N, C-alpha and C. Protein backbone atom coordinates (compact mmCIF):
# COMPACT_ATOMS: atom_id res chain seq x y z
N UNK A 1 19.38 3.69 -34.73
CA UNK A 1 18.74 2.35 -34.86
C UNK A 1 19.26 1.61 -33.78
N UNK A 2 20.39 1.77 -33.07
CA UNK A 2 20.91 0.87 -31.88
C UNK A 2 19.84 1.35 -30.77
N UNK A 3 19.44 2.50 -30.57
CA UNK A 3 18.63 2.80 -29.43
C UNK A 3 17.24 2.03 -29.63
N UNK A 4 16.74 2.19 -30.89
CA UNK A 4 15.37 1.41 -31.15
C UNK A 4 15.61 0.02 -30.89
N UNK A 5 16.54 -0.71 -31.17
CA UNK A 5 16.91 -2.03 -30.90
C UNK A 5 16.86 -2.32 -29.57
N UNK A 6 17.64 -1.60 -28.68
CA UNK A 6 17.68 -1.81 -27.39
C UNK A 6 16.40 -1.52 -26.52
N UNK A 7 15.70 -0.64 -27.00
CA UNK A 7 14.36 -0.44 -26.65
C UNK A 7 13.48 -1.57 -26.70
N UNK A 8 13.43 -2.23 -27.87
CA UNK A 8 12.56 -3.15 -28.25
C UNK A 8 13.09 -4.47 -27.20
N UNK A 9 14.34 -4.67 -27.16
CA UNK A 9 14.80 -5.75 -26.57
C UNK A 9 14.32 -5.60 -24.95
N UNK A 10 14.51 -4.49 -24.36
CA UNK A 10 13.91 -4.03 -23.22
C UNK A 10 12.55 -4.48 -22.85
N UNK A 11 11.64 -3.84 -23.80
CA UNK A 11 10.28 -4.19 -23.76
C UNK A 11 10.15 -5.80 -23.80
N UNK A 12 10.74 -6.50 -24.70
CA UNK A 12 10.42 -7.94 -24.82
C UNK A 12 10.81 -8.71 -23.50
N UNK A 13 12.03 -8.14 -22.75
CA UNK A 13 12.30 -8.73 -21.62
C UNK A 13 11.40 -8.53 -20.50
N UNK A 14 10.97 -7.49 -20.52
CA UNK A 14 9.83 -6.93 -19.43
C UNK A 14 8.61 -7.76 -19.58
N UNK A 15 8.23 -8.03 -20.86
CA UNK A 15 7.06 -8.96 -21.19
C UNK A 15 7.33 -10.24 -20.65
N UNK A 16 8.50 -10.74 -21.05
CA UNK A 16 8.97 -12.17 -20.53
C UNK A 16 8.83 -12.40 -19.04
N UNK A 17 9.63 -11.35 -18.25
CA UNK A 17 9.66 -11.30 -17.07
C UNK A 17 8.11 -11.19 -16.34
N UNK A 18 7.17 -10.47 -16.86
CA UNK A 18 6.06 -10.34 -16.19
C UNK A 18 5.26 -11.70 -16.44
N UNK A 19 5.50 -12.38 -17.53
CA UNK A 19 4.80 -13.69 -17.82
C UNK A 19 5.26 -14.80 -16.86
N UNK A 20 6.62 -14.53 -16.56
CA UNK A 20 7.26 -15.73 -15.58
C UNK A 20 6.63 -15.66 -14.31
N UNK A 21 6.38 -14.42 -13.65
CA UNK A 21 6.05 -14.26 -12.30
C UNK A 21 4.57 -14.90 -12.32
N UNK A 22 3.85 -14.95 -13.19
CA UNK A 22 2.64 -15.54 -13.04
C UNK A 22 1.67 -14.50 -12.38
N UNK A 23 2.13 -13.40 -12.06
CA UNK A 23 1.14 -12.38 -11.28
C UNK A 23 0.32 -11.69 -12.18
N UNK A 24 -0.73 -11.38 -11.60
CA UNK A 24 -1.85 -10.48 -12.41
C UNK A 24 -1.79 -9.15 -11.60
N UNK A 25 -2.41 -8.08 -12.37
CA UNK A 25 -2.54 -6.76 -11.82
C UNK A 25 -3.12 -6.77 -10.23
N UNK A 26 -4.05 -7.62 -10.19
CA UNK A 26 -4.74 -7.82 -8.86
C UNK A 26 -3.97 -8.25 -7.89
N UNK A 27 -3.02 -9.05 -8.11
CA UNK A 27 -2.11 -9.71 -7.15
C UNK A 27 -0.99 -8.49 -6.68
N UNK A 28 -0.58 -7.77 -7.75
CA UNK A 28 0.21 -6.62 -7.65
C UNK A 28 -0.18 -5.56 -6.52
N UNK A 29 -1.75 -5.28 -6.95
CA UNK A 29 -2.48 -4.45 -6.05
C UNK A 29 -2.71 -4.77 -4.64
N UNK A 30 -2.49 -6.12 -4.44
CA UNK A 30 -2.82 -6.73 -3.15
C UNK A 30 -1.38 -6.85 -2.28
N UNK A 31 -0.35 -6.28 -2.70
CA UNK A 31 1.07 -6.35 -2.19
C UNK A 31 1.05 -5.80 -0.68
N UNK A 32 1.57 -6.35 0.20
CA UNK A 32 1.49 -5.91 1.60
C UNK A 32 2.96 -5.63 1.94
N UNK A 33 3.48 -4.37 2.46
CA UNK A 33 4.59 -3.90 2.89
C UNK A 33 4.91 -4.01 4.24
N UNK A 34 4.06 -4.53 5.01
CA UNK A 34 4.20 -4.66 6.51
C UNK A 34 2.86 -4.44 7.24
N UNK A 35 3.07 -4.40 8.53
CA UNK A 35 1.46 -4.36 9.12
C UNK A 35 1.63 -3.33 10.46
N UNK A 36 0.56 -2.85 10.73
CA UNK A 36 0.43 -1.66 11.85
C UNK A 36 -0.53 -2.17 12.90
N UNK A 37 -0.41 -2.07 14.13
CA UNK A 37 -1.66 -2.26 14.95
C UNK A 37 -2.02 -0.88 15.50
N UNK A 38 -3.39 -0.72 15.58
CA UNK A 38 -3.95 0.61 15.89
C UNK A 38 -3.83 0.69 17.32
N UNK A 39 -3.21 1.73 17.79
CA UNK A 39 -3.14 2.08 19.35
C UNK A 39 -4.24 3.10 19.79
N UNK A 40 -4.80 3.70 19.10
CA UNK A 40 -5.90 4.59 19.66
C UNK A 40 -7.15 3.70 19.70
N UNK A 41 -8.14 4.34 20.46
CA UNK A 41 -9.42 3.78 20.77
C UNK A 41 -10.12 3.61 19.38
N UNK A 42 -10.08 4.52 18.40
CA UNK A 42 -10.51 4.40 17.00
C UNK A 42 -9.71 5.30 16.15
N UNK A 43 -9.48 4.95 14.75
CA UNK A 43 -8.67 5.66 13.99
C UNK A 43 -9.50 5.73 12.62
N UNK A 44 -9.72 6.75 12.06
CA UNK A 44 -10.39 7.20 10.81
C UNK A 44 -9.36 6.88 9.72
N UNK A 45 -9.99 6.02 8.86
CA UNK A 45 -9.34 5.74 7.52
C UNK A 45 -9.84 6.71 6.46
N UNK A 46 -8.95 7.29 5.82
CA UNK A 46 -9.44 8.54 4.99
C UNK A 46 -9.16 8.29 3.43
N UNK A 47 -9.89 8.95 2.65
CA UNK A 47 -9.80 8.69 1.21
C UNK A 47 -8.35 9.14 0.61
N UNK A 48 -7.72 10.22 1.20
CA UNK A 48 -6.55 10.80 0.91
C UNK A 48 -5.71 11.07 2.09
N UNK A 49 -4.41 11.30 2.00
CA UNK A 49 -3.61 11.42 3.22
C UNK A 49 -3.63 12.98 3.63
N UNK A 50 -4.86 13.16 4.06
CA UNK A 50 -5.18 14.55 4.47
C UNK A 50 -6.22 14.41 5.67
N UNK A 51 -5.90 15.37 6.67
CA UNK A 51 -6.75 15.24 7.87
C UNK A 51 -8.17 15.74 7.34
N UNK A 52 -8.33 16.55 6.41
CA UNK A 52 -9.70 17.05 6.00
C UNK A 52 -10.57 16.16 4.94
N UNK A 53 -9.71 15.17 4.46
CA UNK A 53 -10.21 14.10 3.44
C UNK A 53 -11.34 13.33 4.04
N UNK A 54 -12.31 13.01 3.30
CA UNK A 54 -13.56 12.08 3.87
C UNK A 54 -12.92 10.87 4.44
N UNK A 55 -13.78 10.47 5.45
CA UNK A 55 -13.55 9.31 6.24
C UNK A 55 -14.09 8.00 5.32
N UNK A 56 -13.40 6.89 5.17
CA UNK A 56 -14.09 5.76 4.37
C UNK A 56 -14.21 4.68 5.25
N UNK A 57 -13.60 4.77 6.38
CA UNK A 57 -13.97 3.54 7.46
C UNK A 57 -13.13 3.88 8.76
N UNK A 58 -13.34 3.10 9.64
CA UNK A 58 -12.82 3.20 10.94
C UNK A 58 -12.18 2.02 11.44
N UNK A 59 -10.86 2.08 12.14
CA UNK A 59 -10.30 1.14 12.58
C UNK A 59 -10.38 1.16 14.31
N UNK A 60 -10.36 0.04 14.74
CA UNK A 60 -10.63 0.01 16.49
C UNK A 60 -9.14 -0.31 16.91
N UNK A 61 -8.95 -0.02 18.20
CA UNK A 61 -7.79 -0.41 18.82
C UNK A 61 -7.58 -1.86 18.66
N UNK A 62 -6.26 -2.20 18.57
CA UNK A 62 -5.84 -3.45 18.40
C UNK A 62 -6.01 -4.22 17.01
N UNK A 63 -6.80 -3.44 15.97
CA UNK A 63 -6.80 -3.93 14.66
C UNK A 63 -5.57 -3.87 13.98
N UNK A 64 -5.37 -4.96 13.02
CA UNK A 64 -4.33 -5.04 12.34
C UNK A 64 -4.48 -4.46 10.89
N UNK A 65 -3.55 -3.44 10.49
CA UNK A 65 -3.62 -2.79 9.12
C UNK A 65 -2.51 -3.32 8.43
N UNK A 66 -2.73 -3.35 7.02
CA UNK A 66 -1.76 -3.87 6.09
C UNK A 66 -1.40 -2.61 5.56
N UNK A 67 0.01 -2.27 5.21
CA UNK A 67 0.53 -1.28 4.67
C UNK A 67 0.63 -1.49 3.01
N UNK A 68 -0.11 -0.64 2.49
CA UNK A 68 -0.17 -0.85 0.85
C UNK A 68 0.84 -0.45 -0.11
N UNK A 69 1.50 0.41 0.42
CA UNK A 69 2.67 1.02 -0.44
C UNK A 69 3.82 0.83 0.39
N UNK A 70 5.11 0.89 -0.56
CA UNK A 70 6.24 0.65 0.30
C UNK A 70 6.66 1.69 1.06
N UNK A 71 6.40 2.91 0.78
CA UNK A 71 6.67 4.15 1.58
C UNK A 71 5.36 4.80 2.04
N UNK A 72 5.50 5.31 3.21
CA UNK A 72 4.26 6.40 3.65
C UNK A 72 4.64 7.66 2.95
N UNK A 73 3.77 8.70 3.25
CA UNK A 73 3.94 9.87 2.70
C UNK A 73 5.37 10.42 3.09
N UNK A 74 5.73 11.52 2.04
CA UNK A 74 7.25 12.17 2.24
C UNK A 74 7.52 12.51 3.70
N UNK A 75 6.42 12.96 4.28
CA UNK A 75 6.87 13.61 5.78
C UNK A 75 6.56 12.45 6.57
N UNK A 76 5.92 11.25 6.22
CA UNK A 76 5.80 10.09 7.19
C UNK A 76 4.66 10.27 8.02
N UNK A 77 3.73 11.15 7.96
CA UNK A 77 2.57 11.12 8.70
C UNK A 77 1.58 10.30 8.42
N UNK A 78 1.24 9.94 7.15
CA UNK A 78 0.13 9.13 6.59
C UNK A 78 0.80 7.91 6.00
N UNK A 79 -0.20 6.65 6.14
CA UNK A 79 0.34 5.42 5.52
C UNK A 79 -0.73 4.94 4.64
N UNK A 80 -0.74 4.51 3.52
CA UNK A 80 -1.78 3.68 2.51
C UNK A 80 -1.77 2.48 3.32
N UNK A 81 -3.14 2.07 3.85
CA UNK A 81 -3.42 0.91 4.56
C UNK A 81 -4.57 0.04 4.15
N UNK A 82 -4.57 -1.00 4.51
CA UNK A 82 -5.96 -2.10 4.11
C UNK A 82 -6.44 -2.69 5.12
N UNK A 83 -7.71 -2.48 5.51
CA UNK A 83 -8.27 -3.52 6.52
C UNK A 83 -9.38 -4.19 5.81
N UNK A 84 -9.00 -5.55 5.64
CA UNK A 84 -9.96 -6.36 4.83
C UNK A 84 -10.04 -5.78 3.27
N UNK A 85 -11.23 -5.47 3.00
CA UNK A 85 -11.41 -4.97 1.66
C UNK A 85 -11.40 -3.52 1.70
N UNK A 86 -11.29 -2.98 2.65
CA UNK A 86 -11.33 -1.49 2.91
C UNK A 86 -9.82 -0.89 2.77
N UNK A 87 -9.82 0.04 1.81
CA UNK A 87 -8.61 0.70 1.70
C UNK A 87 -8.63 2.34 1.99
N UNK A 88 -7.57 2.86 2.54
CA UNK A 88 -7.59 4.36 2.79
C UNK A 88 -6.20 4.61 3.37
N UNK A 89 -6.07 5.70 4.03
CA UNK A 89 -4.98 6.41 4.51
C UNK A 89 -5.11 6.73 6.09
N UNK A 90 -4.26 6.24 6.94
CA UNK A 90 -4.24 6.25 8.38
C UNK A 90 -3.07 7.07 8.88
N UNK A 91 -3.33 7.91 9.86
CA UNK A 91 -2.28 8.71 10.43
C UNK A 91 -1.39 7.67 11.25
N UNK A 92 0.03 7.89 11.09
CA UNK A 92 1.09 6.97 11.69
C UNK A 92 1.10 7.26 13.13
N UNK A 93 0.79 8.28 13.82
CA UNK A 93 0.86 8.64 15.10
C UNK A 93 -0.06 7.74 15.93
N UNK A 94 -0.98 7.20 15.22
CA UNK A 94 -1.95 6.31 16.11
C UNK A 94 -1.76 4.81 15.63
N UNK A 95 -0.72 4.46 15.28
CA UNK A 95 -0.35 2.83 14.89
C UNK A 95 1.15 2.78 15.20
N UNK A 96 1.35 1.37 15.69
CA UNK A 96 2.75 0.91 16.06
C UNK A 96 3.07 -0.23 14.92
N UNK A 97 4.23 -0.14 14.47
CA UNK A 97 4.64 -1.25 13.30
C UNK A 97 4.65 -2.66 14.08
N UNK A 98 3.97 -3.77 13.47
CA UNK A 98 4.36 -5.07 13.99
C UNK A 98 4.40 -6.03 12.92
N UNK A 99 4.90 -7.22 13.46
CA UNK A 99 4.83 -8.28 12.38
C UNK A 99 3.52 -8.70 11.77
N UNK A 100 3.59 -8.92 10.57
CA UNK A 100 2.30 -9.20 9.87
C UNK A 100 1.83 -10.71 10.48
N UNK A 101 0.76 -10.94 10.75
CA UNK A 101 0.23 -12.35 11.21
C UNK A 101 0.04 -13.34 9.86
């Protein structure tokens, strides 16, 4: 019975904390974890973190891409990025970490 009470209390606290932040799920999805500047002439943004994945867009040299996830892929080759409303994965070898504007 003690475990059930603890779980209920934890759930209630999470609900209260979520309400206090005033955030919505769309705000959580729009979180930025840093920015990258494209260093290649052009950089394909892909649907998944694979070089064989379909291209969903292209970024040009100098474009600023926002990092969408706290960490890049486990080996660190791909990062989830956003360019305006376009979201995809970009190869880190063609970007440089910069301060967000």
